[in-house]
Amino acid sequence: MAADCDPLEVVMTLPPLCEDKSVPYCFVESKAVLGRACGIKRPIVACAITFKEGSYLQSQILELKDKLEQLLI
């Protein structure tokens, strides 16, 4: 989620939902950075990372999830 979202209330409902479902989340510094990380030119306020079992990206996604969880501790 983008920390520079205005108004911030647009994304503030997401953290409690993530915590209820044990889904890791994090904030990034800006909408522009998040958009670039998602491979698009427009700024975005939130995104989700999903994968299918057996996906070739599964190991990278799980590694990223573990790193995010360590940051939250």
PDB file of N, CA and C in Angstrom:
ATOM      1  N   MET A   1       0.835  -1.165   0.000  1.00  0.00           N
ATOM      2  CA  MET A   1       0.000   0.000   0.000  1.00  0.00           C
ATOM      3  C   MET A   1       0.884   1.233   0.000  1.00  0.00           C
ATOM      4  N   ALA A   2       0.431   2.278  -0.659  1.00  0.00           N
ATOM      5  CA  ALA A   2       1.203   3.506  -0.764  1.00  0.00           C
ATOM      6  C   ALA A   2       0.970   4.393   0.453  1.00  0.00           C
ATOM      7  N   ALA A   3       2.052   4.834   1.072  1.00  0.00           N
ATOM      8  CA  ALA A   3       1.955   5.684   2.256  1.00  0.00           C
ATOM      9  C   ALA A   3       1.529   7.107   1.912  1.00  0.00           C
ATOM     10  N   ASP A   4       1.681   7.502   0.648  1.00  0.00           N
ATOM     11  CA  ASP A   4       1.307   8.870   0.276  1.00  0.00           C
ATOM     12  C   ASP A   4      -0.085   8.960  -0.340  1.00  0.00           C
ATOM     13  N   CYS A   5      -0.901   7.961  -0.098  1.00  0.00           N
ATOM     14  CA  CYS A   5      -2.274   7.960  -0.589  1.00  0.00           C
ATOM     15  C   CYS A   5      -3.040   9.111   0.071  1.00  0.00           C
ATOM     16  N   ASP A   6      -3.827   9.826  -0.714  1.00  0.00           N
ATOM     17  CA  ASP A   6      -4.576  10.957  -0.165  1.00  0.00           C
ATOM     18  C   ASP A   6      -6.021  10.881  -0.605  1.00  0.00           C
ATOM     19  N   PRO A   7      -6.958  10.709   0.271  1.00  0.00           N
ATOM     20  CA  PRO A   7      -6.790  10.586   1.720  1.00  0.00           C
ATOM     21  C   PRO A   7      -6.333   9.184   2.099  1.00  0.00           C
ATOM     22  N   LEU A   8      -5.602   9.088   3.176  1.00  0.00           N
ATOM     23  CA  LEU A   8      -5.047   7.816   3.625  1.00  0.00           C
ATOM     24  C   LEU A   8      -6.145   6.815   3.991  1.00  0.00           C
ATOM     25  N   GLU A   9      -7.321   7.310   4.288  1.00  0.00           N
ATOM     26  CA  GLU A   9      -8.441   6.434   4.640  1.00  0.00           C
ATOM     27  C   GLU A   9      -8.810   5.473   3.517  1.00  0.00           C
ATOM     28  N   VAL A  10      -8.407   5.796   2.290  1.00  0.00           N
ATOM     29  CA  VAL A  10      -8.694   4.926   1.145  1.00  0.00           C
ATOM     30  C   VAL A  10      -8.106   3.536   1.363  1.00  0.00           C
ATOM     31  N   VAL A  11      -6.931   3.450   1.958  1.00  0.00           N
ATOM     32  CA  VAL A  11      -6.285   2.151   2.168  1.00  0.00           C
ATOM     33  C   VAL A  11      -6.286   1.691   3.622  1.00  0.00           C
ATOM     34  N   MET A  12      -6.726   2.515   4.559  1.00  0.00           N
ATOM     35  CA  MET A  12      -6.631   2.166   5.974  1.00  0.00           C
ATOM     36  C   MET A  12      -7.591   1.054   6.397  1.00  0.00           C
ATOM     37  N   THR A  13      -8.535   0.689   5.554  1.00  0.00           N
ATOM     38  CA  THR A  13      -9.387  -0.454   5.887  1.00  0.00           C
ATOM     39  C   THR A  13      -8.684  -1.778   5.580  1.00  0.00           C
ATOM     40  N   LEU A  14      -7.631  -1.732   4.771  1.00  0.00           N
ATOM     41  CA  LEU A  14      -6.947  -2.958   4.370  1.00  0.00           C
ATOM     42  C   LEU A  14      -6.098  -3.604   5.475  1.00  0.00           C
ATOM     43  N   PRO A  15      -5.309  -2.868   6.263  1.00  0.00           N
ATOM     44  CA  PRO A  15      -4.504  -3.536   7.301  1.00  0.00           C
ATOM     45  C   PRO A  15      -5.310  -4.383   8.285  1.00  0.00           C
ATOM     46  N   PRO A  16      -6.447  -3.892   8.825  1.00  0.00           N
ATOM     47  CA  PRO A  16      -7.206  -4.770   9.726  1.00  0.00           C
ATOM     48  C   PRO A  16      -7.717  -6.041   9.037  1.00  0.00           C
ATOM     49  N   LEU A  17      -8.107  -5.922   7.770  1.00  0.00           N
ATOM     50  CA  LEU A  17      -8.549  -7.106   7.030  1.00  0.00           C
ATOM     51  C   LEU A  17      -7.408  -8.089   6.848  1.00  0.00           C
ATOM     52  N   CYS A  18      -6.235  -7.571   6.506  1.00  0.00           N
ATOM     53  CA  CYS A  18      -5.058  -8.434   6.334  1.00  0.00           C
ATOM     54  C   CYS A  18      -4.711  -9.135   7.646  1.00  0.00           C
ATOM     55  N   GLU A  19      -4.756  -8.392   8.747  1.00  0.00           N
ATOM     56  CA  GLU A  19      -4.423  -8.979  10.038  1.00  0.00           C
ATOM     57  C   GLU A  19      -5.439 -10.049  10.433  1.00  0.00           C
ATOM     58  N   ASP A  20      -6.722  -9.805  10.170  1.00  0.00           N
ATOM     59  CA  ASP A  20      -7.747 -10.806  10.478  1.00  0.00           C
ATOM     60  C   ASP A  20      -7.530 -12.103   9.712  1.00  0.00           C
ATOM     61  N   LYS A  21      -7.029 -12.007   8.486  1.00  0.00           N
ATOM     62  CA  LYS A  21      -6.832 -13.174   7.625  1.00  0.00           C
ATOM     63  C   LYS A  21      -5.394 -13.685   7.628  1.00  0.00           C
ATOM     64  N   SER A  22      -4.536 -13.119   8.476  1.00  0.00           N
ATOM     65  CA  SER A  22      -3.113 -13.493   8.556  1.00  0.00           C
ATOM     66  C   SER A  22      -2.403 -13.331   7.215  1.00  0.00           C
ATOM     67  N   VAL A  23      -2.696 -12.233   6.545  1.00  0.00           N
ATOM     68  CA  VAL A  23      -2.071 -11.909   5.262  1.00  0.00           C
ATOM     69  C   VAL A  23      -1.040 -10.809   5.513  1.00  0.00           C
ATOM     70  N   PRO A  24       0.237 -11.057   5.190  1.00  0.00           N
ATOM     71  CA  PRO A  24       1.241 -10.015   5.396  1.00  0.00           C
ATOM     72  C   PRO A  24       0.999  -8.833   4.455  1.00  0.00           C
ATOM     73  N   TYR A  25       1.345  -7.643   4.920  1.00  0.00           N
ATOM     74  CA  TYR A  25       1.199  -6.434   4.111  1.00  0.00           C
ATOM     75  C   TYR A  25       2.313  -5.469   4.485  1.00  0.00           C
ATOM     76  N   CYS A  26       2.524  -4.488   3.655  1.00  0.00           N
ATOM     77  CA  CYS A  26       3.502  -3.451   3.971  1.00  0.00           C
ATOM     78  C   CYS A  26       3.124  -2.169   3.242  1.00  0.00           C
ATOM     79  N   PHE A  27       3.694  -1.082   3.708  1.00  0.00           N
ATOM     80  CA  PHE A  27       3.526   0.207   3.055  1.00  0.00           C
ATOM     81  C   PHE A  27       4.815   0.541   2.319  1.00  0.00           C
ATOM     82  N   VAL A  28       4.677   1.151   1.158  1.00  0.00           N
ATOM     83  CA  VAL A  28       5.827   1.664   0.412  1.00  0.00           C
ATOM     84  C   VAL A  28       5.720   3.179   0.401  1.00  0.00           C
ATOM     85  N   GLU A  29       6.819   3.839   0.065  1.00  0.00           N
ATOM     86  CA  GLU A  29       6.865   5.288   0.217  1.00  0.00           C
ATOM     87  C   GLU A  29       5.924   6.063  -0.691  1.00  0.00           C
ATOM     88  N   SER A  30       5.651   5.566  -1.895  1.00  0.00           N
ATOM     89  CA  SER A  30       4.827   6.386  -2.781  1.00  0.00           C
ATOM     90  C   SER A  30       4.018   5.560  -3.772  1.00  0.00           C
ATOM     91  N   LYS A  31       2.974   6.190  -4.292  1.00  0.00           N
ATOM     92  CA  LYS A  31       2.118   5.568  -5.308  1.00  0.00           C
ATOM     93  C   LYS A  31       2.911   5.301  -6.581  1.00  0.00           C
ATOM     94  N   ALA A  32       3.810   6.224  -6.918  1.00  0.00           N
ATOM     95  CA  ALA A  32       4.609   6.065  -8.138  1.00  0.00           C
ATOM     96  C   ALA A  32       5.530   4.849  -8.038  1.00  0.00           C
ATOM     97  N   VAL A  33       6.158   4.679  -6.879  1.00  0.00           N
ATOM     98  CA  VAL A  33       7.049   3.535  -6.666  1.00  0.00           C
ATOM     99  C   VAL A  33       6.269   2.228  -6.768  1.00  0.00           C
ATOM    100  N   LEU A  34       5.086   2.201  -6.174  1.00  0.00           N
ATOM    101  CA  LEU A  34       4.264   0.994  -6.214  1.00  0.00           C
ATOM    102  C   LEU A  34       3.820   0.683  -7.641  1.00  0.00           C
ATOM    103  N   GLY A  35       3.451   1.699  -8.387  1.00  0.00           N
ATOM    104  CA  GLY A  35       3.076   1.497  -9.787  1.00  0.00           C
ATOM    105  C   GLY A  35       4.219   0.918 -10.596  1.00  0.00           C
ATOM    106  N   ARG A  36       5.414   1.475 -10.423  1.00  0.00           N
ATOM    107  CA  ARG A  36       6.587   0.958 -11.150  1.00  0.00           C
ATOM    108  C   ARG A  36       6.894  -0.476 -10.745  1.00  0.00           C
ATOM    109  N   ALA A  37       6.751  -0.791  -9.454  1.00  0.00           N
ATOM    110  CA  ALA A  37       7.015  -2.161  -8.990  1.00  0.00           C
ATOM    111  C   ALA A  37       6.033  -3.153  -9.601  1.00  0.00           C
ATOM    112  N   CYS A  38       4.846  -2.679  -9.936  1.00  0.00           N
ATOM    113  CA  CYS A  38       3.829  -3.531 -10.567  1.00  0.00           C
ATOM    114  C   CYS A  38       3.958  -3.555 -12.084  1.00  0.00           C
ATOM    115  N   GLY A  39       4.913  -2.807 -12.605  1.00  0.00           N
ATOM    116  CA  GLY A  39       5.151  -2.820 -14.040  1.00  0.00           C
ATOM    117  C   GLY A  39       4.217  -1.939 -14.845  1.00  0.00           C
ATOM    118  N   ILE A  40       3.638  -0.924 -14.207  1.00  0.00           N
ATOM    119  CA  ILE A  40       2.780   0.010 -14.937  1.00  0.00           C
ATOM    120  C   ILE A  40       3.268   1.434 -14.731  1.00  0.00           C
ATOM    121  N   LYS A  41       2.869   2.320 -15.612  1.00  0.00           N
ATOM    122  CA  LYS A  41       3.356   3.708 -15.557  1.00  0.00           C
ATOM    123  C   LYS A  41       2.531   4.591 -14.635  1.00  0.00           C
ATOM    124  N   ARG A  42       1.318   4.182 -14.310  1.00  0.00           N
ATOM    125  CA  ARG A  42       0.439   5.001 -13.464  1.00  0.00           C
ATOM    126  C   ARG A  42       0.716   4.734 -11.982  1.00  0.00           C
ATOM    127  N   PRO A  43       0.547   5.757 -11.143  1.00  0.00           N
ATOM    128  CA  PRO A  43       0.662   5.520  -9.707  1.00  0.00           C
ATOM    129  C   PRO A  43      -0.546   4.726  -9.204  1.00  0.00           C
ATOM    130  N   ILE A  44      -0.321   3.829  -8.251  1.00  0.00           N
ATOM    131  CA  ILE A  44      -1.417   3.049  -7.673  1.00  0.00           C
ATOM    132  C   ILE A  44      -1.314   3.087  -6.148  1.00  0.00           C
ATOM    133  N   VAL A  45      -2.421   2.864  -5.459  1.00  0.00           N
ATOM    134  CA  VAL A  45      -2.412   2.962  -4.001  1.00  0.00           C
ATOM    135  C   VAL A  45      -2.287   1.601  -3.321  1.00  0.00           C
ATOM    136  N   ALA A  46      -2.640   0.515  -3.995  1.00  0.00           N
ATOM    137  CA  ALA A  46      -2.533  -0.809  -3.380  1.00  0.00           C
ATOM    138  C   ALA A  46      -2.442  -1.879  -4.460  1.00  0.00           C
ATOM    139  N   CYS A  47      -1.846  -2.995  -4.100  1.00  0.00           N
ATOM    140  CA  CYS A  47      -1.781  -4.136  -5.009  1.00  0.00           C
ATOM    141  C   CYS A  47      -1.722  -5.410  -4.178  1.00  0.00           C
ATOM    142  N   ALA A  48      -1.939  -6.521  -4.810  1.00  0.00           N
ATOM    143  CA  ALA A  48      -1.869  -7.823  -4.144  1.00  0.00           C
ATOM    144  C   ALA A  48      -0.984  -8.743  -4.967  1.00  0.00           C
ATOM    145  N   ILE A  49      -0.267  -9.609  -4.284  1.00  0.00           N
ATOM    146  CA  ILE A  49       0.576 -10.600  -4.946  1.00  0.00           C
ATOM    147  C   ILE A  49      -0.073 -11.957  -4.723  1.00  0.00           C
ATOM    148  N   THR A  50      -0.425 -12.624  -5.798  1.00  0.00           N
ATOM    149  CA  THR A  50      -1.034 -13.944  -5.708  1.00  0.00           C
ATOM    150  C   THR A  50      -0.242 -14.917  -6.576  1.00  0.00           C
ATOM    151  N   PHE A  51      -0.402 -16.202  -6.307  1.00  0.00           N
ATOM    152  CA  PHE A  51       0.263 -17.203  -7.137  1.00  0.00           C
ATOM    153  C   PHE A  51      -0.512 -18.501  -7.086  1.00  0.00           C
ATOM    154  N   LYS A  52      -0.281 -19.318  -8.087  1.00  0.00           N
ATOM    155  CA  LYS A  52      -0.867 -20.656  -8.134  1.00  0.00           C
ATOM    156  C   LYS A  52       0.162 -21.654  -7.627  1.00  0.00           C
ATOM    157  N   GLU A  53      -0.331 -22.730  -7.034  1.00  0.00           N
ATOM    158  CA  GLU A  53       0.580 -23.804  -6.629  1.00  0.00           C
ATOM    159  C   GLU A  53       1.314 -24.306  -7.869  1.00  0.00           C
ATOM    160  N   GLY A  54       2.601 -24.481  -7.740  1.00  0.00           N
ATOM    161  CA  GLY A  54       3.395 -24.980  -8.854  1.00  0.00           C
ATOM    162  C   GLY A  54       3.894 -23.891  -9.790  1.00  0.00           C
ATOM    163  N   SER A  55       3.566 -22.630  -9.511  1.00  0.00           N
ATOM    164  CA  SER A  55       4.013 -21.523 -10.352  1.00  0.00           C
ATOM    165  C   SER A  55       5.535 -21.408 -10.286  1.00  0.00           C
ATOM    166  N   TYR A  56       6.146 -20.992 -11.360  1.00  0.00           N
ATOM    167  CA  TYR A  56       7.588 -20.825 -11.366  1.00  0.00           C
ATOM    168  C   TYR A  56       8.023 -19.655 -10.479  1.00  0.00           C
ATOM    169  N   LEU A  57       7.096 -18.780 -10.097  1.00  0.00           N
ATOM    170  CA  LEU A  57       7.401 -17.661  -9.211  1.00  0.00           C
ATOM    171  C   LEU A  57       7.143 -17.997  -7.737  1.00  0.00           C
ATOM    172  N   GLN A  58       6.601 -19.169  -7.464  1.00  0.00           N
ATOM    173  CA  GLN A  58       6.190 -19.521  -6.107  1.00  0.00           C
ATOM    174  C   GLN A  58       7.335 -19.374  -5.109  1.00  0.00           C
ATOM    175  N   SER A  59       8.500 -19.860  -5.408  1.00  0.00           N
ATOM    176  CA  SER A  59       9.612 -19.793  -4.453  1.00  0.00           C
ATOM    177  C   SER A  59      10.017 -18.348  -4.185  1.00  0.00           C
ATOM    178  N   GLN A  60      10.023 -17.499  -5.213  1.00  0.00           N
ATOM    179  CA  GLN A  60      10.378 -16.094  -5.023  1.00  0.00           C
ATOM    180  C   GLN A  60       9.330 -15.369  -4.188  1.00  0.00           C
ATOM    181  N   ILE A  61       8.061 -15.659  -4.421  1.00  0.00           N
ATOM    182  CA  ILE A  61       6.982 -15.020  -3.673  1.00  0.00           C
ATOM    183  C   ILE A  61       7.032 -15.444  -2.207  1.00  0.00           C
ATOM    184  N   LEU A  62       7.250 -16.721  -1.947  1.00  0.00           N
ATOM    185  CA  LEU A  62       7.331 -17.194  -0.569  1.00  0.00           C
ATOM    186  C   LEU A  62       8.543 -16.603   0.152  1.00  0.00           C
ATOM    187  N   GLU A  63       9.637 -16.437  -0.558  1.00  0.00           N
ATOM    188  CA  GLU A  63      10.831 -15.818   0.018  1.00  0.00           C
ATOM    189  C   GLU A  63      10.545 -14.361   0.378  1.00  0.00           C
ATOM    190  N   LEU A  64       9.875 -13.640  -0.499  1.00  0.00           N
ATOM    191  CA  LEU A  64       9.499 -12.255  -0.234  1.00  0.00           C
ATOM    192  C   LEU A  64       8.545 -12.173   0.958  1.00  0.00           C
ATOM    193  N   LYS A  65       7.591 -13.082   1.016  1.00  0.00           N
ATOM    194  CA  LYS A  65       6.642 -13.129   2.145  1.00  0.00           C
ATOM    195  C   LYS A  65       7.391 -13.326   3.460  1.00  0.00           C
ATOM    196  N   ASP A  66       8.364 -14.238   3.495  1.00  0.00           N
ATOM    197  CA  ASP A  66       9.139 -14.482   4.698  1.00  0.00           C
ATOM    198  C   ASP A  66       9.917 -13.234   5.121  1.00  0.00           C
ATOM    199  N   LYS A  67      10.485 -12.534   4.149  1.00  0.00           N
ATOM    200  CA  LYS A  67      11.238 -11.322   4.452  1.00  0.00           C
ATOM    201  C   LYS A  67      10.325 -10.232   5.013  1.00  0.00           C
ATOM    202  N   LEU A  68       9.128 -10.099   4.436  1.00  0.00           N
ATOM    203  CA  LEU A  68       8.168  -9.112   4.945  1.00  0.00           C
ATOM    204  C   LEU A  68       7.746  -9.446   6.375  1.00  0.00           C
ATOM    205  N   GLU A  69       7.503 -10.712   6.632  1.00  0.00           N
ATOM    206  CA  GLU A  69       7.091 -11.123   7.975  1.00  0.00           C
ATOM    207  C   GLU A  69       8.199 -10.831   8.991  1.00  0.00           C
ATOM    208  N   GLN A  70       9.460 -10.996   8.596  1.00  0.00           N
ATOM    209  CA  GLN A  70      10.566 -10.694   9.504  1.00  0.00           C
ATOM    210  C   GLN A  70      10.636  -9.199   9.797  1.00  0.00           C
ATOM    211  N   LEU A  71      10.310  -8.370   8.816  1.00  0.00           N
ATOM    212  CA  LEU A  71      10.304  -6.926   9.032  1.00  0.00           C
ATOM    213  C   LEU A  71       9.204  -6.508  10.004  1.00  0.00           C
ATOM    214  N   LEU A  72       8.115  -7.236  10.003  1.00  0.00           N
ATOM    215  CA  LEU A  72       6.979  -6.891  10.851  1.00  0.00           C
ATOM    216  C   LEU A  72       7.181  -7.309  12.307  1.00  0.00           C
ATOM    217  N   ILE A  73       8.146  -8.173  12.552  1.00  0.00           N
ATOM    218  CA  ILE A  73       8.380  -8.664  13.927  1.00  0.00           C
ATOM    219  C   ILE A  73       9.131  -7.626  14.723  1.00  0.00           C
TER     220      ILE A  73
END
